[in-house]
PDB file of N, CA and C in Angstrom:
ATOM      1  N   MET A   1     -22.385 -20.257  -9.074  1.00  0.00           N
ATOM      2  CA  MET A   1     -22.679 -20.814 -10.550  1.00  0.00           C
ATOM      3  C   MET A   1     -21.664 -21.681 -11.357  1.00  0.00           C
ATOM      4  N   GLU A   2     -21.567 -22.444 -11.944  1.00  0.00           N
ATOM      5  CA  GLU A   2     -20.370 -22.873 -12.554  1.00  0.00           C
ATOM      6  C   GLU A   2     -20.970 -24.043 -13.630  1.00  0.00           C
ATOM      7  N   TRP A   3     -20.189 -23.703 -15.050  1.00  0.00           N
ATOM      8  CA  TRP A   3     -20.923 -24.901 -16.068  1.00  0.00           C
ATOM      9  C   TRP A   3     -20.055 -26.035 -15.712  1.00  0.00           C
ATOM     10  N   ARG A   4     -20.890 -27.268 -15.746  1.00  0.00           N
ATOM     11  CA  ARG A   4     -20.770 -28.513 -15.641  1.00  0.00           C
ATOM     12  C   ARG A   4     -21.804 -29.319 -16.775  1.00  0.00           C
ATOM     13  N   TYR A   5     -21.143 -30.750 -17.068  1.00  0.00           N
ATOM     14  CA  TYR A   5     -21.920 -31.252 -17.698  1.00  0.00           C
ATOM     15  C   TYR A   5     -23.173 -32.070 -16.671  1.00  0.00           C
ATOM     16  N   LYS A   6     -24.578 -32.193 -17.674  1.00  0.00           N
ATOM     17  CA  LYS A   6     -25.374 -32.465 -16.899  1.00  0.00           C
ATOM     18  C   LYS A   6     -25.140 -34.125 -16.134  1.00  0.00           C
ATOM     19  N   GLY A   7     -25.711 -34.088 -14.837  1.00  0.00           N
ATOM     20  CA  GLY A   7     -25.490 -35.497 -14.239  1.00  0.00           C
ATOM     21  C   GLY A   7     -24.194 -35.198 -13.294  1.00  0.00           C
ATOM     22  N   LYS A   8     -23.140 -34.360 -14.020  1.00  0.00           N
ATOM     23  CA  LYS A   8     -21.774 -34.321 -12.852  1.00  0.00           C
ATOM     24  C   LYS A   8     -21.773 -33.669 -11.807  1.00  0.00           C
ATOM     25  N   LYS A   9     -21.406 -34.334 -10.940  1.00  0.00           N
ATOM     26  CA  LYS A   9     -21.375 -33.497  -9.379  1.00  0.00           C
ATOM     27  C   LYS A   9     -20.138 -32.451  -9.626  1.00  0.00           C
ATOM     28  N   PRO A  10     -20.484 -31.263  -8.848  1.00  0.00           N
ATOM     29  CA  PRO A  10     -19.270 -30.292  -8.919  1.00  0.00           C
ATOM     30  C   PRO A  10     -18.180 -30.703  -8.185  1.00  0.00           C
ATOM     31  N   PRO A  11     -16.898 -30.421  -8.779  1.00  0.00           N
ATOM     32  CA  PRO A  11     -15.991 -30.495  -8.110  1.00  0.00           C
ATOM     33  C   PRO A  11     -15.695 -30.386  -6.598  1.00  0.00           C
ATOM     34  N   ARG A  12     -14.681 -31.126  -5.814  1.00  0.00           N
ATOM     35  CA  ARG A  12     -14.427 -30.720  -4.545  1.00  0.00           C
ATOM     36  C   ARG A  12     -13.923 -29.683  -3.823  1.00  0.00           C
ATOM     37  N   LYS A  13     -14.403 -28.616  -3.298  1.00  0.00           N
ATOM     38  CA  LYS A  13     -13.496 -27.656  -3.018  1.00  0.00           C
ATOM     39  C   LYS A  13     -12.629 -27.398  -1.430  1.00  0.00           C
ATOM     40  N   ALA A  14     -11.632 -27.588  -1.739  1.00  0.00           N
ATOM     41  CA  ALA A  14     -10.620 -26.869  -0.608  1.00  0.00           C
ATOM     42  C   ALA A  14     -11.418 -26.157   0.594  1.00  0.00           C
ATOM     43  N   LYS A  15     -10.852 -27.123   1.831  1.00  0.00           N
ATOM     44  CA  LYS A  15     -11.790 -25.879   3.097  1.00  0.00           C
ATOM     45  C   LYS A  15     -10.718 -24.818   3.081  1.00  0.00           C
ATOM     46  N   VAL A  16     -11.248 -23.603   3.062  1.00  0.00           N
ATOM     47  CA  VAL A  16     -10.274 -22.413   3.496  1.00  0.00           C
ATOM     48  C   VAL A  16     -10.299 -21.817   4.868  1.00  0.00           C
ATOM     49  N   GLN A  17      -8.807 -21.948   5.270  1.00  0.00           N
ATOM     50  CA  GLN A  17      -8.594 -21.734   6.754  1.00  0.00           C
ATOM     51  C   GLN A  17      -7.614 -20.233   6.678  1.00  0.00           C
ATOM     52  N   GLN A  18      -7.624 -19.612   7.638  1.00  0.00           N
ATOM     53  CA  GLN A  18      -6.789 -18.419   7.734  1.00  0.00           C
ATOM     54  C   GLN A  18      -5.615 -18.780   8.412  1.00  0.00           C
ATOM     55  N   SER A  19      -4.532 -18.336   7.100  1.00  0.00           N
ATOM     56  CA  SER A  19      -3.072 -18.590   7.790  1.00  0.00           C
ATOM     57  C   SER A  19      -2.934 -18.431   8.925  1.00  0.00           C
ATOM     58  N   THR A  20      -1.785 -19.058   9.896  1.00  0.00           N
ATOM     59  CA  THR A  20      -1.537 -18.468  11.025  1.00  0.00           C
ATOM     60  C   THR A  20      -0.085 -18.135  11.024  1.00  0.00           C
ATOM     61  N   LYS A  21       0.603 -18.518   9.596  1.00  0.00           N
ATOM     62  CA  LYS A  21       1.758 -17.906   9.803  1.00  0.00           C
ATOM     63  C   LYS A  21       2.148 -16.306   8.842  1.00  0.00           C
ATOM     64  N   LYS A  22       1.092 -15.794   8.514  1.00  0.00           N
ATOM     65  CA  LYS A  22       1.365 -14.930   7.646  1.00  0.00           C
ATOM     66  C   LYS A  22       1.592 -13.713   8.417  1.00  0.00           C
ATOM     67  N   LEU A  23       2.357 -12.737   8.447  1.00  0.00           N
ATOM     68  CA  LEU A  23       2.536 -11.244   9.490  1.00  0.00           C
ATOM     69  C   LEU A  23       2.308 -10.314   8.426  1.00  0.00           C
ATOM     70  N   MET A  24       2.481  -9.138   8.639  1.00  0.00           N
ATOM     71  CA  MET A  24       2.231  -8.036   8.335  1.00  0.00           C
ATOM     72  C   MET A  24       3.285  -7.118   8.607  1.00  0.00           C
ATOM     73  N   CYS A  25       3.854  -6.483   7.606  1.00  0.00           N
ATOM     74  CA  CYS A  25       5.363  -6.084   8.190  1.00  0.00           C
ATOM     75  C   CYS A  25       5.432  -4.686   7.520  1.00  0.00           C
ATOM     76  N   THR A  26       5.636  -3.224   7.880  1.00  0.00           N
ATOM     77  CA  THR A  26       6.032  -1.982   7.215  1.00  0.00           C
ATOM     78  C   THR A  26       7.499  -2.145   7.468  1.00  0.00           C
ATOM     79  N   ILE A  27       7.672  -1.512   6.314  1.00  0.00           N
ATOM     80  CA  ILE A  27       9.548  -1.391   6.130  1.00  0.00           C
ATOM     81  C   ILE A  27       9.592   0.029   5.846  1.00  0.00           C
ATOM     82  N   PHE A  28      10.350   0.845   6.521  1.00  0.00           N
ATOM     83  CA  PHE A  28      10.674   2.316   6.343  1.00  0.00           C
ATOM     84  C   PHE A  28      12.348   2.445   5.826  1.00  0.00           C
ATOM     85  N   TRP A  29      12.942   2.684   4.471  1.00  0.00           N
ATOM     86  CA  TRP A  29      14.123   2.678   4.261  1.00  0.00           C
ATOM     87  C   TRP A  29      14.870   4.092   3.605  1.00  0.00           C
ATOM     88  N   ASP A  30      15.902   3.924   3.369  1.00  0.00           N
ATOM     89  CA  ASP A  30      16.386   5.369   2.432  1.00  0.00           C
ATOM     90  C   ASP A  30      17.192   4.626   1.374  1.00  0.00           C
ATOM     91  N   PHE A  31      18.160   5.504   0.850  1.00  0.00           N
ATOM     92  CA  PHE A  31      19.235   4.954  -0.062  1.00  0.00           C
ATOM     93  C   PHE A  31      20.528   4.199   0.589  1.00  0.00           C
ATOM     94  N   GLN A  32      20.438   4.528   1.963  1.00  0.00           N
ATOM     95  CA  GLN A  32      21.583   4.231   2.296  1.00  0.00           C
ATOM     96  C   GLN A  32      20.757   2.437   3.384  1.00  0.00           C
ATOM     97  N   GLY A  33      19.710   2.323   3.064  1.00  0.00           N
ATOM     98  CA  GLY A  33      19.389   0.655   3.388  1.00  0.00           C
ATOM     99  C   GLY A  33      18.147   0.957   4.375  1.00  0.00           C
ATOM    100  N   ILE A  34      17.791  -0.218   5.053  1.00  0.00           N
ATOM    101  CA  ILE A  34      16.915  -0.380   6.115  1.00  0.00           C
ATOM    102  C   ILE A  34      16.749   0.197   7.109  1.00  0.00           C
ATOM    103  N   LEU A  35      15.646   1.582   7.962  1.00  0.00           N
ATOM    104  CA  LEU A  35      15.767   2.116   8.747  1.00  0.00           C
ATOM    105  C   LEU A  35      15.169   1.805   9.824  1.00  0.00           C
ATOM    106  N   MET A  36      13.697   0.859   9.523  1.00  0.00           N
ATOM    107  CA  MET A  36      12.934   0.232  10.529  1.00  0.00           C
ATOM    108  C   MET A  36      12.132  -0.428   9.829  1.00  0.00           C
ATOM    109  N   VAL A  37      12.006  -1.913  10.284  1.00  0.00           N
ATOM    110  CA  VAL A  37      10.875  -3.115  10.151  1.00  0.00           C
ATOM    111  C   VAL A  37       9.853  -2.913  11.314  1.00  0.00           C
ATOM    112  N   ASP A  38       8.691  -2.943  11.296  1.00  0.00           N
ATOM    113  CA  ASP A  38       7.701  -3.270  12.209  1.00  0.00           C
ATOM    114  C   ASP A  38       7.011  -4.230  11.894  1.00  0.00           C
ATOM    115  N   PHE A  39       6.552  -5.280  12.554  1.00  0.00           N
ATOM    116  CA  PHE A  39       5.664  -6.336  12.407  1.00  0.00           C
ATOM    117  C   PHE A  39       4.544  -5.811  13.120  1.00  0.00           C
ATOM    118  N   LYS A  40       3.388  -6.056  12.286  1.00  0.00           N
ATOM    119  CA  LYS A  40       2.141  -5.694  12.909  1.00  0.00           C
ATOM    120  C   LYS A  40       1.590  -6.927  14.243  1.00  0.00           C
ATOM    121  N   GLU A  41       1.311  -6.615  15.394  1.00  0.00           N
ATOM    122  CA  GLU A  41       0.785  -7.759  16.295  1.00  0.00           C
ATOM    123  C   GLU A  41      -0.516  -8.385  15.663  1.00  0.00           C
ATOM    124  N   ARG A  42      -0.833  -9.445  15.700  1.00  0.00           N
ATOM    125  CA  ARG A  42      -1.963  -9.954  15.411  1.00  0.00           C
ATOM    126  C   ARG A  42      -3.512  -9.179  16.177  1.00  0.00           C
ATOM    127  N   ASN A  43      -4.116  -9.160  15.353  1.00  0.00           N
ATOM    128  CA  ASN A  43      -5.432  -8.563  15.814  1.00  0.00           C
ATOM    129  C   ASN A  43      -5.326  -7.363  16.236  1.00  0.00           C
ATOM    130  N   THR A  44      -4.474  -6.573  15.304  1.00  0.00           N
ATOM    131  CA  THR A  44      -4.163  -5.119  15.525  1.00  0.00           C
ATOM    132  C   THR A  44      -5.038  -4.461  14.508  1.00  0.00           C
ATOM    133  N   ILE A  45      -5.554  -3.615  14.289  1.00  0.00           N
ATOM    134  CA  ILE A  45      -6.044  -2.959  13.500  1.00  0.00           C
ATOM    135  C   ILE A  45      -5.330  -1.536  12.839  1.00  0.00           C
ATOM    136  N   VAL A  46      -5.023  -1.611  11.504  1.00  0.00           N
ATOM    137  CA  VAL A  46      -4.016  -0.671  10.775  1.00  0.00           C
ATOM    138  C   VAL A  46      -5.043   0.400  10.273  1.00  0.00           C
ATOM    139  N   ASN A  47      -5.111   1.495  11.408  1.00  0.00           N
ATOM    140  CA  ASN A  47      -5.834   2.412  11.063  1.00  0.00           C
ATOM    141  C   ASN A  47      -4.714   3.727  11.306  1.00  0.00           C
ATOM    142  N   GLY A  48      -5.349   5.102  10.968  1.00  0.00           N
ATOM    143  CA  GLY A  48      -4.541   6.307  11.274  1.00  0.00           C
ATOM    144  C   GLY A  48      -3.590   6.461  12.452  1.00  0.00           C
ATOM    145  N   GLU A  49      -4.337   6.167  13.495  1.00  0.00           N
ATOM    146  CA  GLU A  49      -3.701   6.153  14.454  1.00  0.00           C
ATOM    147  C   GLU A  49      -2.460   5.273  14.930  1.00  0.00           C
ATOM    148  N   TYR A  50      -2.352   3.863  14.353  1.00  0.00           N
ATOM    149  CA  TYR A  50      -1.721   2.700  14.001  1.00  0.00           C
ATOM    150  C   TYR A  50      -0.256   3.471  13.364  1.00  0.00           C
ATOM    151  N   TYR A  51      -0.919   3.722  12.430  1.00  0.00           N
ATOM    152  CA  TYR A  51       0.148   4.322  11.226  1.00  0.00           C
ATOM    153  C   TYR A  51       0.892   5.613  12.053  1.00  0.00           C
ATOM    154  N   ALA A  52       0.266   6.798  12.491  1.00  0.00           N
ATOM    155  CA  ALA A  52       1.024   7.854  13.129  1.00  0.00           C
ATOM    156  C   ALA A  52       2.076   7.399  14.206  1.00  0.00           C
ATOM    157  N   SER A  53       1.712   6.316  14.984  1.00  0.00           N
ATOM    158  CA  SER A  53       2.505   5.898  15.889  1.00  0.00           C
ATOM    159  C   SER A  53       3.882   5.049  15.055  1.00  0.00           C
ATOM    160  N   LEU A  54       3.512   4.775  14.223  1.00  0.00           N
ATOM    161  CA  LEU A  54       5.049   4.340  13.185  1.00  0.00           C
ATOM    162  C   LEU A  54       5.582   5.487  12.963  1.00  0.00           C
ATOM    163  N   ILE A  55       5.128   6.754  12.424  1.00  0.00           N
ATOM    164  CA  ILE A  55       5.937   7.705  11.782  1.00  0.00           C
ATOM    165  C   ILE A  55       6.680   8.362  13.008  1.00  0.00           C
ATOM    166  N   TYR A  56       6.090   8.234  14.490  1.00  0.00           N
ATOM    167  CA  TYR A  56       6.804   8.393  15.507  1.00  0.00           C
ATOM    168  C   TYR A  56       8.088   7.663  15.580  1.00  0.00           C
ATOM    169  N   LYS A  57       8.008   6.418  15.286  1.00  0.00           N
ATOM    170  CA  LYS A  57       8.903   5.561  15.623  1.00  0.00           C
ATOM    171  C   LYS A  57       9.971   5.807  14.831  1.00  0.00           C
ATOM    172  N   LEU A  58       9.544   5.961  13.749  1.00  0.00           N
ATOM    173  CA  LEU A  58      10.711   6.279  12.310  1.00  0.00           C
ATOM    174  C   LEU A  58      11.349   7.659  12.650  1.00  0.00           C
ATOM    175  N   ARG A  59      10.616   8.432  13.414  1.00  0.00           N
ATOM    176  CA  ARG A  59      11.421  10.003  13.642  1.00  0.00           C
ATOM    177  C   ARG A  59      12.536   9.305  14.585  1.00  0.00           C
ATOM    178  N   ASP A  60      12.256   8.792  15.564  1.00  0.00           N
ATOM    179  CA  ASP A  60      13.544   7.924  16.697  1.00  0.00           C
ATOM    180  C   ASP A  60      14.247   7.123  15.799  1.00  0.00           C
ATOM    181  N   LYS A  61      14.107   6.553  14.957  1.00  0.00           N
ATOM    182  CA  LYS A  61      15.025   5.696  14.499  1.00  0.00           C
ATOM    183  C   LYS A  61      16.112   6.301  13.380  1.00  0.00           C
ATOM    184  N   ILE A  62      15.513   7.703  13.042  1.00  0.00           N
ATOM    185  CA  ILE A  62      16.421   8.398  12.010  1.00  0.00           C
ATOM    186  C   ILE A  62      17.397   8.987  13.006  1.00  0.00           C
ATOM    187  N   LYS A  63      16.898   9.243  14.276  1.00  0.00           N
ATOM    188  CA  LYS A  63      17.618  10.089  15.037  1.00  0.00           C
ATOM    189  C   LYS A  63      18.792   8.893  14.959  1.00  0.00           C
ATOM    190  N   GLU A  64      18.394   7.854  15.791  1.00  0.00           N
ATOM    191  CA  GLU A  64      19.365   6.903  15.954  1.00  0.00           C
ATOM    192  C   GLU A  64      20.568   6.282  14.834  1.00  0.00           C
ATOM    193  N   LYS A  65      20.177   6.260  13.977  1.00  0.00           N
ATOM    194  CA  LYS A  65      20.860   5.385  12.811  1.00  0.00           C
ATOM    195  C   LYS A  65      21.290   6.751  11.839  1.00  0.00           C
ATOM    196  N   ARG A  66      20.765   7.775  11.209  1.00  0.00           N
ATOM    197  CA  ARG A  66      21.056   9.040  10.799  1.00  0.00           C
ATOM    198  C   ARG A  66      21.235  10.188  11.260  1.00  0.00           C
ATOM    199  N   ARG A  67      22.214  10.240  12.054  1.00  0.00           N
ATOM    200  CA  ARG A  67      22.458  11.537  12.638  1.00  0.00           C
ATOM    201  C   ARG A  67      22.931  12.886  11.726  1.00  0.00           C
ATOM    202  N   GLY A  68      21.803  13.802  11.895  1.00  0.00           N
ATOM    203  CA  GLY A  68      22.169  15.223  11.322  1.00  0.00           C
ATOM    204  C   GLY A  68      20.946  14.973  10.045  1.00  0.00           C
ATOM    205  N   LYS A  69      20.256  13.619   9.854  1.00  0.00           N
ATOM    206  CA  LYS A  69      19.426  13.741   8.502  1.00  0.00           C
ATOM    207  C   LYS A  69      18.204  14.607   9.326  1.00  0.00           C
ATOM    208  N   LEU A  70      17.893  14.492  10.193  1.00  0.00           N
ATOM    209  CA  LEU A  70      16.581  15.427  10.784  1.00  0.00           C
ATOM    210  C   LEU A  70      16.662  16.841  10.373  1.00  0.00           C
ATOM    211  N   SER A  71      17.628  17.234  10.584  1.00  0.00           N
ATOM    212  CA  SER A  71      17.763  18.734  10.626  1.00  0.00           C
ATOM    213  C   SER A  71      17.921  19.250   9.181  1.00  0.00           C
ATOM    214  N   LYS A  72      18.196  18.274   8.395  1.00  0.00           N
ATOM    215  CA  LYS A  72      18.725  18.516   6.606  1.00  0.00           C
ATOM    216  C   LYS A  72      17.407  18.390   5.940  1.00  0.00           C
ATOM    217  N   GLY A  73      16.578  17.760   6.784  1.00  0.00           N
ATOM    218  CA  GLY A  73      14.743  17.305   6.177  1.00  0.00           C
ATOM    219  C   GLY A  73      14.696  16.224   5.651  1.00  0.00           C
ATOM    220  N   VAL A  74      13.838  15.543   5.768  1.00  0.00           N
ATOM    221  CA  VAL A  74      13.283  14.265   5.546  1.00  0.00           C
ATOM    222  C   VAL A  74      11.980  13.951   4.621  1.00  0.00           C
ATOM    223  N   LEU A  75      11.977  13.538   3.512  1.00  0.00           N
ATOM    224  CA  LEU A  75      11.218  13.483   2.557  1.00  0.00           C
ATOM    225  C   LEU A  75      10.585  11.907   2.406  1.00  0.00           C
ATOM    226  N   LEU A  76       9.355  12.175   2.815  1.00  0.00           N
ATOM    227  CA  LEU A  76       8.346  10.680   3.149  1.00  0.00           C
ATOM    228  C   LEU A  76       7.701  10.693   1.675  1.00  0.00           C
ATOM    229  N   LEU A  77       8.087   8.932   1.639  1.00  0.00           N
ATOM    230  CA  LEU A  77       7.410   8.648   0.002  1.00  0.00           C
ATOM    231  C   LEU A  77       6.387   7.691   0.259  1.00  0.00           C
ATOM    232  N   HIS A  78       5.017   7.823   0.374  1.00  0.00           N
ATOM    233  CA  HIS A  78       4.243   6.704   0.683  1.00  0.00           C
ATOM    234  C   HIS A  78       3.045   6.578  -0.539  1.00  0.00           C
ATOM    235  N   ASP A  79       2.186   5.826  -0.560  1.00  0.00           N
ATOM    236  CA  ASP A  79       1.088   5.890  -1.232  1.00  0.00           C
ATOM    237  C   ASP A  79       0.016   6.507  -0.736  1.00  0.00           C
ATOM    238  N   ASN A  80      -0.877   6.270  -1.333  1.00  0.00           N
ATOM    239  CA  ASN A  80      -2.515   7.381  -0.846  1.00  0.00           C
ATOM    240  C   ASN A  80      -3.187   6.221  -0.303  1.00  0.00           C
ATOM    241  N   ALA A  81      -3.014   5.228   0.564  1.00  0.00           N
ATOM    242  CA  ALA A  81      -3.852   4.383   0.835  1.00  0.00           C
ATOM    243  C   ALA A  81      -4.675   5.077   2.359  1.00  0.00           C
ATOM    244  N   PRO A  82      -5.672   4.663   2.739  1.00  0.00           N
ATOM    245  CA  PRO A  82      -6.385   5.349   3.645  1.00  0.00           C
ATOM    246  C   PRO A  82      -5.737   5.863   4.915  1.00  0.00           C
ATOM    247  N   VAL A  83      -4.882   4.713   5.480  1.00  0.00           N
ATOM    248  CA  VAL A  83      -4.020   5.309   6.718  1.00  0.00           C
ATOM    249  C   VAL A  83      -2.921   6.180   6.496  1.00  0.00           C
ATOM    250  N   HIS A  84      -2.291   6.460   5.313  1.00  0.00           N
ATOM    251  CA  HIS A  84      -1.424   7.467   5.064  1.00  0.00           C
ATOM    252  C   HIS A  84      -1.819   9.161   4.817  1.00  0.00           C
ATOM    253  N   THR A  85      -3.347   8.761   4.446  1.00  0.00           N
ATOM    254  CA  THR A  85      -4.035  10.135   4.106  1.00  0.00           C
ATOM    255  C   THR A  85      -4.784  10.963   5.352  1.00  0.00           C
ATOM    256  N   ALA A  86      -4.988   9.775   6.253  1.00  0.00           N
ATOM    257  CA  ALA A  86      -5.832  10.049   7.436  1.00  0.00           C
ATOM    258  C   ALA A  86      -5.364  11.148   8.253  1.00  0.00           C
ATOM    259  N   GLY A  87      -6.138  11.893   8.755  1.00  0.00           N
ATOM    260  CA  GLY A  87      -5.962  13.282   9.442  1.00  0.00           C
ATOM    261  C   GLY A  87      -4.540  13.288  10.263  1.00  0.00           C
ATOM    262  N   VAL A  88      -4.789  12.099  11.427  1.00  0.00           N
ATOM    263  CA  VAL A  88      -3.911  11.749  12.475  1.00  0.00           C
ATOM    264  C   VAL A  88      -2.578  11.384  12.193  1.00  0.00           C
ATOM    265  N   SER A  89      -2.375  10.572  10.651  1.00  0.00           N
ATOM    266  CA  SER A  89      -1.413  10.453  10.152  1.00  0.00           C
ATOM    267  C   SER A  89      -0.331  11.811   9.662  1.00  0.00           C
ATOM    268  N   LYS A  90      -1.580  12.496   8.522  1.00  0.00           N
ATOM    269  CA  LYS A  90      -0.861  13.769   8.467  1.00  0.00           C
ATOM    270  C   LYS A  90      -0.504  14.613   9.229  1.00  0.00           C
ATOM    271  N   ASP A  91      -0.945  14.877  10.501  1.00  0.00           N
ATOM    272  CA  ASP A  91      -0.651  15.724  11.877  1.00  0.00           C
ATOM    273  C   ASP A  91       0.995  15.136  12.282  1.00  0.00           C
ATOM    274  N   ALA A  92       0.959  13.598  12.216  1.00  0.00           N
ATOM    275  CA  ALA A  92       1.978  13.083  12.612  1.00  0.00           C
ATOM    276  C   ALA A  92       3.298  13.323  11.662  1.00  0.00           C
ATOM    277  N   VAL A  93       2.742  13.314  10.399  1.00  0.00           N
ATOM    278  CA  VAL A  93       4.186  13.555   9.608  1.00  0.00           C
ATOM    279  C   VAL A  93       4.548  15.025   9.829  1.00  0.00           C
ATOM    280  N   ARG A  94       3.447  16.114   9.660  1.00  0.00           N
ATOM    281  CA  ARG A  94       4.107  17.302  10.346  1.00  0.00           C
ATOM    282  C   ARG A  94       4.627  17.668  11.443  1.00  0.00           C
ATOM    283  N   GLN A  95       4.234  16.941  12.295  1.00  0.00           N
ATOM    284  CA  GLN A  95       4.903  17.414  13.702  1.00  0.00           C
ATOM    285  C   GLN A  95       6.135  16.628  13.564  1.00  0.00           C
ATOM    286  N   CYS A  96       6.441  15.524  13.125  1.00  0.00           N
ATOM    287  CA  CYS A  96       8.066  15.177  13.086  1.00  0.00           C
ATOM    288  C   CYS A  96       8.745  15.469  12.054  1.00  0.00           C
ATOM    289  N   GLY A  97       8.188  17.043  11.390  1.00  0.00           N
ATOM    290  CA  GLY A  97       8.783  17.721  10.504  1.00  0.00           C
ATOM    291  C   GLY A  97       9.499  17.064   9.058  1.00  0.00           C
ATOM    292  N   PHE A  98       8.678  15.995   8.435  1.00  0.00           N
ATOM    293  CA  PHE A  98       8.811  15.440   7.291  1.00  0.00           C
ATOM    294  C   PHE A  98       7.954  16.251   6.174  1.00  0.00           C
ATOM    295  N   THR A  99       8.549  15.986   4.896  1.00  0.00           N
ATOM    296  CA  THR A  99       7.837  16.628   3.943  1.00  0.00           C
ATOM    297  C   THR A  99       7.601  15.471   2.885  1.00  0.00           C
ATOM    298  N   GLU A 100       5.991  15.464   3.064  1.00  0.00           N
ATOM    299  CA  GLU A 100       5.633  14.557   2.167  1.00  0.00           C
ATOM    300  C   GLU A 100       5.978  14.595   0.567  1.00  0.00           C
ATOM    301  N   VAL A 101       6.220  13.617  -0.064  1.00  0.00           N
ATOM    302  CA  VAL A 101       6.258  13.780  -1.388  1.00  0.00           C
ATOM    303  C   VAL A 101       4.891  13.377  -2.293  1.00  0.00           C
ATOM    304  N   GLN A 102       4.342  13.496  -3.256  1.00  0.00           N
ATOM    305  CA  GLN A 102       3.580  12.909  -3.829  1.00  0.00           C
ATOM    306  C   GLN A 102       3.907  11.569  -4.477  1.00  0.00           C
ATOM    307  N   HIS A 103       3.179  10.800  -4.546  1.00  0.00           N
ATOM    308  CA  HIS A 103       3.326   9.468  -5.046  1.00  0.00           C
ATOM    309  C   HIS A 103       2.886   9.693  -6.881  1.00  0.00           C
ATOM    310  N   PRO A 104       4.204   9.144  -7.419  1.00  0.00           N
ATOM    311  CA  PRO A 104       4.179   9.106  -8.656  1.00  0.00           C
ATOM    312  C   PRO A 104       3.062   8.020  -9.104  1.00  0.00           C
ATOM    313  N   PRO A 105       2.671   8.069 -10.431  1.00  0.00           N
ATOM    314  CA  PRO A 105       1.668   7.328 -10.919  1.00  0.00           C
ATOM    315  C   PRO A 105       2.476   6.023 -11.281  1.00  0.00           C
ATOM    316  N   TYR A 106       2.009   4.937 -11.345  1.00  0.00           N
ATOM    317  CA  TYR A 106       2.577   3.708 -11.340  1.00  0.00           C
ATOM    318  C   TYR A 106       3.478   3.643 -12.496  1.00  0.00           C
ATOM    319  N   SER A 107       4.795   3.077 -12.563  1.00  0.00           N
ATOM    320  CA  SER A 107       5.498   3.162 -13.727  1.00  0.00           C
ATOM    321  C   SER A 107       6.766   2.193 -13.396  1.00  0.00           C
ATOM    322  N   PRO A 108       6.798   0.832 -14.147  1.00  0.00           N
ATOM    323  CA  PRO A 108       7.833   0.159 -13.512  1.00  0.00           C
ATOM    324  C   PRO A 108       9.405   0.426 -13.959  1.00  0.00           C
ATOM    325  N   ASP A 109       9.673   1.517 -14.450  1.00  0.00           N
ATOM    326  CA  ASP A 109      10.411   2.216 -14.620  1.00  0.00           C
ATOM    327  C   ASP A 109      10.986   3.306 -13.202  1.00  0.00           C
ATOM    328  N   MET A 110       9.870   3.510 -12.599  1.00  0.00           N
ATOM    329  CA  MET A 110      10.224   4.329 -11.157  1.00  0.00           C
ATOM    330  C   MET A 110       9.950   3.543 -10.428  1.00  0.00           C
ATOM    331  N   ALA A 111      10.167   2.068 -10.017  1.00  0.00           N
ATOM    332  CA  ALA A 111       9.830   1.602  -8.963  1.00  0.00           C
ATOM    333  C   ALA A 111      11.041   1.459  -7.678  1.00  0.00           C
ATOM    334  N   PRO A 112      11.080   2.556  -6.974  1.00  0.00           N
ATOM    335  CA  PRO A 112      12.196   2.831  -6.079  1.00  0.00           C
ATOM    336  C   PRO A 112      12.174   1.484  -5.234  1.00  0.00           C
ATOM    337  N   SER A 113      11.708   0.416  -4.840  1.00  0.00           N
ATOM    338  CA  SER A 113      12.087  -0.575  -3.823  1.00  0.00           C
ATOM    339  C   SER A 113      12.619  -1.282  -4.972  1.00  0.00           C
ATOM    340  N   ASP A 114      12.423  -1.533  -6.127  1.00  0.00           N
ATOM    341  CA  ASP A 114      13.307  -2.478  -6.822  1.00  0.00           C
ATOM    342  C   ASP A 114      14.635  -2.114  -6.967  1.00  0.00           C
ATOM    343  N   TYR A 115      15.124  -0.694  -6.320  1.00  0.00           N
ATOM    344  CA  TYR A 115      16.757  -0.488  -6.646  1.00  0.00           C
ATOM    345  C   TYR A 115      17.170  -0.417  -5.381  1.00  0.00           C
ATOM    346  N   TYR A 116      16.388   0.039  -4.196  1.00  0.00           N
ATOM    347  CA  TYR A 116      17.073   0.311  -3.014  1.00  0.00           C
ATOM    348  C   TYR A 116      16.768  -0.652  -2.007  1.00  0.00           C
ATOM    349  N   LEU A 117      15.593  -0.769  -1.910  1.00  0.00           N
ATOM    350  CA  LEU A 117      14.721  -1.927  -0.623  1.00  0.00           C
ATOM    351  C   LEU A 117      14.998  -3.592  -1.216  1.00  0.00           C
ATOM    352  N   PHE A 118      14.811  -4.036  -2.067  1.00  0.00           N
ATOM    353  CA  PHE A 118      14.902  -5.496  -2.198  1.00  0.00           C
ATOM    354  C   PHE A 118      16.372  -5.928  -2.072  1.00  0.00           C
ATOM    355  N   PRO A 119      17.323  -5.215  -2.756  1.00  0.00           N
ATOM    356  CA  PRO A 119      18.398  -5.727  -2.670  1.00  0.00           C
ATOM    357  C   PRO A 119      18.818  -5.727  -1.139  1.00  0.00           C
ATOM    358  N   ASN A 120      18.749  -4.868   0.138  1.00  0.00           N
ATOM    359  CA  ASN A 120      18.773  -4.746   0.865  1.00  0.00           C
ATOM    360  C   ASN A 120      18.214  -6.104   1.731  1.00  0.00           C
ATOM    361  N   LEU A 121      16.913  -6.115   1.251  1.00  0.00           N
ATOM    362  CA  LEU A 121      16.269  -7.442   1.928  1.00  0.00           C
ATOM    363  C   LEU A 121      16.929  -8.825   2.006  1.00  0.00           C
ATOM    364  N   LYS A 122      17.628  -8.693   0.229  1.00  0.00           N
ATOM    365  CA  LYS A 122      18.250 -10.071   0.072  1.00  0.00           C
ATOM    366  C   LYS A 122      19.652 -10.268   0.905  1.00  0.00           C
ATOM    367  N   ARG A 123      20.156  -8.848   1.377  1.00  0.00           N
ATOM    368  CA  ARG A 123      21.297  -8.983   1.653  1.00  0.00           C
ATOM    369  C   ARG A 123      21.086  -9.119   3.248  1.00  0.00           C
ATOM    370  N   ASP A 124      20.162  -9.032   4.113  1.00  0.00           N
ATOM    371  CA  ASP A 124      19.618  -9.144   5.341  1.00  0.00           C
ATOM    372  C   ASP A 124      19.146 -10.431   5.958  1.00  0.00           C
TER     373      ASP A 124
END
């Protein structure tokens, strides 16, 4: 329903089409820069198993790019999205030896991506 004057035709609506150019990517980074960027393949469902596979790939990237970091301990901060809280994802985090950090309530003063991620994305 919409408001319009009596006798007036409704406005024409644009035809909605799914974009073929949009991609979803997941970025893992630390204070030294970007560790891993994963572009999701089309028609792939993002679920706990998919995210768990990313966690294992992340462990391999940390071994490759940040030697000695795994033995010192890795703190993983992610939000409370269902794929992050799924049992298979939590198991992957534990098996990789990562420690999860509780996601703080939203605060514009505490957005780590503003300070570490976005400047690195602008550079690359």
